[in-house]
Amino acid sequence: MSLEKQDVLKIAHLARLSLDDNDAEQYQNSLTSILDLVEQMQSVDTNGVEPLSNPLEAKQRLRDDVVTEGNRRNAFLANAPQTEAGLFLVPQVIE
């Protein structure tokens, strides 16, 4: 697949890039070679080839969700300057 210079300028405009004529020619060659490589890869016969493993299908080995420490809420609230109904009270910062 070959790109024309106008195609490259249109792509640059859509990507909000400013290109001069020299840059457009260089990008035209680069983009054309990339598209040729993609076309070559798509022409490969992959029938019978087993797909690679996908990390999204893997299961994580997680530990059991058990409580390892007791409730220490009252001990933490005892250190606070002001508390109310089991919550820390702080000065108002937004009026």
Protein backbone atom coordinates (compact mmCIF):
# COMPACT_ATOMS: atom_id res chain seq x y z
CA MET A 1 0.00 0.00 0.00
CA SER A 2 1.45 3.32 -1.02
CA LEU A 3 0.59 6.66 0.51
CA GLU A 4 0.55 9.85 -1.48
CA LYS A 5 1.94 13.11 -0.20
CA GLN A 6 -1.61 14.47 0.18
CA ASP A 7 -2.48 11.49 2.40
CA VAL A 8 0.46 12.25 4.67
CA LEU A 9 -0.50 15.92 4.90
CA LYS A 10 -4.09 14.95 5.73
CA ILE A 11 -2.90 12.56 8.47
CA ALA A 12 -0.63 15.30 9.83
CA HIS A 13 -3.55 17.74 9.86
CA LEU A 14 -5.76 15.25 11.73
CA ALA A 15 -2.95 14.70 14.25
CA ARG A 16 -2.48 18.46 14.55
CA LEU A 17 1.10 18.30 13.30
CA SER A 18 2.71 20.89 11.08
CA LEU A 19 4.86 19.41 8.34
CA ASP A 20 6.82 21.10 5.59
CA ASP A 21 7.34 19.46 2.18
CA ASN A 22 10.64 17.81 3.09
CA ASP A 23 9.20 16.27 6.24
CA ALA A 24 6.10 15.12 4.37
CA GLU A 25 8.25 13.19 1.88
CA GLN A 26 10.23 11.50 4.66
CA TYR A 27 7.06 10.55 6.52
CA GLN A 28 5.53 9.34 3.27
CA ASN A 29 8.37 6.86 2.84
CA SER A 30 8.29 5.79 6.49
CA LEU A 31 4.52 5.35 6.65
CA THR A 32 4.48 3.47 3.36
CA SER A 33 7.12 1.02 4.59
CA ILE A 34 5.16 0.51 7.84
CA LEU A 35 1.94 -0.17 5.94
CA ASP A 36 3.80 -2.56 3.62
CA LEU A 37 5.09 -4.46 6.66
CA VAL A 38 1.55 -4.69 8.10
CA GLU A 39 0.27 -5.95 4.76
CA GLN A 40 3.05 -8.53 4.63
CA MET A 41 2.22 -9.70 8.17
CA GLN A 42 -1.48 -10.02 7.33
CA SER A 43 -0.66 -12.26 4.37
CA VAL A 44 0.96 -14.89 6.63
CA ASP A 45 -1.09 -18.09 6.96
CA THR A 46 -1.81 -18.58 10.67
CA ASN A 47 -4.18 -21.53 10.39
CA GLY A 48 -3.29 -24.16 12.95
CA VAL A 49 -1.11 -21.80 14.98
CA GLU A 50 -2.10 -21.81 18.62
CA PRO A 51 -2.42 -18.31 20.11
CA LEU A 52 -0.01 -17.20 22.80
CA SER A 53 -1.12 -17.06 26.40
CA ASN A 54 -2.99 -13.97 27.50
CA PRO A 55 -2.15 -12.42 30.89
CA LEU A 56 -5.76 -11.32 31.30
CA GLU A 57 -6.86 -14.94 31.46
CA ALA A 58 -4.42 -15.81 34.25
CA LYS A 59 -5.69 -16.43 37.76
CA GLN A 60 -3.94 -14.75 40.66
CA ARG A 61 -3.01 -16.76 43.69
CA LEU A 62 -4.39 -14.71 46.54
CA ARG A 63 -4.09 -15.31 50.25
CA ASP A 64 -7.17 -15.92 52.34
CA ASP A 65 -8.92 -12.77 53.50
CA VAL A 66 -8.78 -13.13 57.27
CA VAL A 67 -8.58 -10.57 60.05
CA THR A 68 -5.07 -10.48 61.49
CA GLU A 69 -5.40 -7.53 63.85
CA GLY A 70 -8.19 -6.58 66.21
CA ASN A 71 -10.18 -3.35 66.28
CA ARG A 72 -7.98 -0.58 67.72
CA ARG A 73 -10.34 2.30 66.97
CA ASN A 74 -10.67 3.47 70.56
CA ALA A 75 -6.89 3.46 71.04
CA PHE A 76 -6.42 5.67 67.98
CA LEU A 77 -9.27 8.00 68.93
CA ALA A 78 -7.78 8.42 72.42
CA ASN A 79 -4.77 10.18 70.84
CA ALA A 80 -6.90 12.69 68.88
CA PRO A 81 -7.45 16.20 70.27
CA GLN A 82 -11.18 16.16 69.37
CA THR A 83 -13.54 13.34 68.45
CA GLU A 84 -17.25 12.91 68.07
CA ALA A 85 -19.29 9.74 67.43
CA GLY A 86 -16.15 7.74 66.67
CA LEU A 87 -14.78 10.29 64.15
CA PHE A 88 -11.83 12.69 64.18
CA LEU A 89 -12.83 16.36 64.30
CA VAL A 90 -10.70 18.79 62.31
CA PRO A 91 -10.91 22.56 61.88
CA GLN A 92 -13.00 23.80 58.98
CA VAL A 93 -10.79 24.76 56.03
CA ILE A 94 -13.40 25.75 53.42
CA GLU A 95 -15.89 28.51 54.11
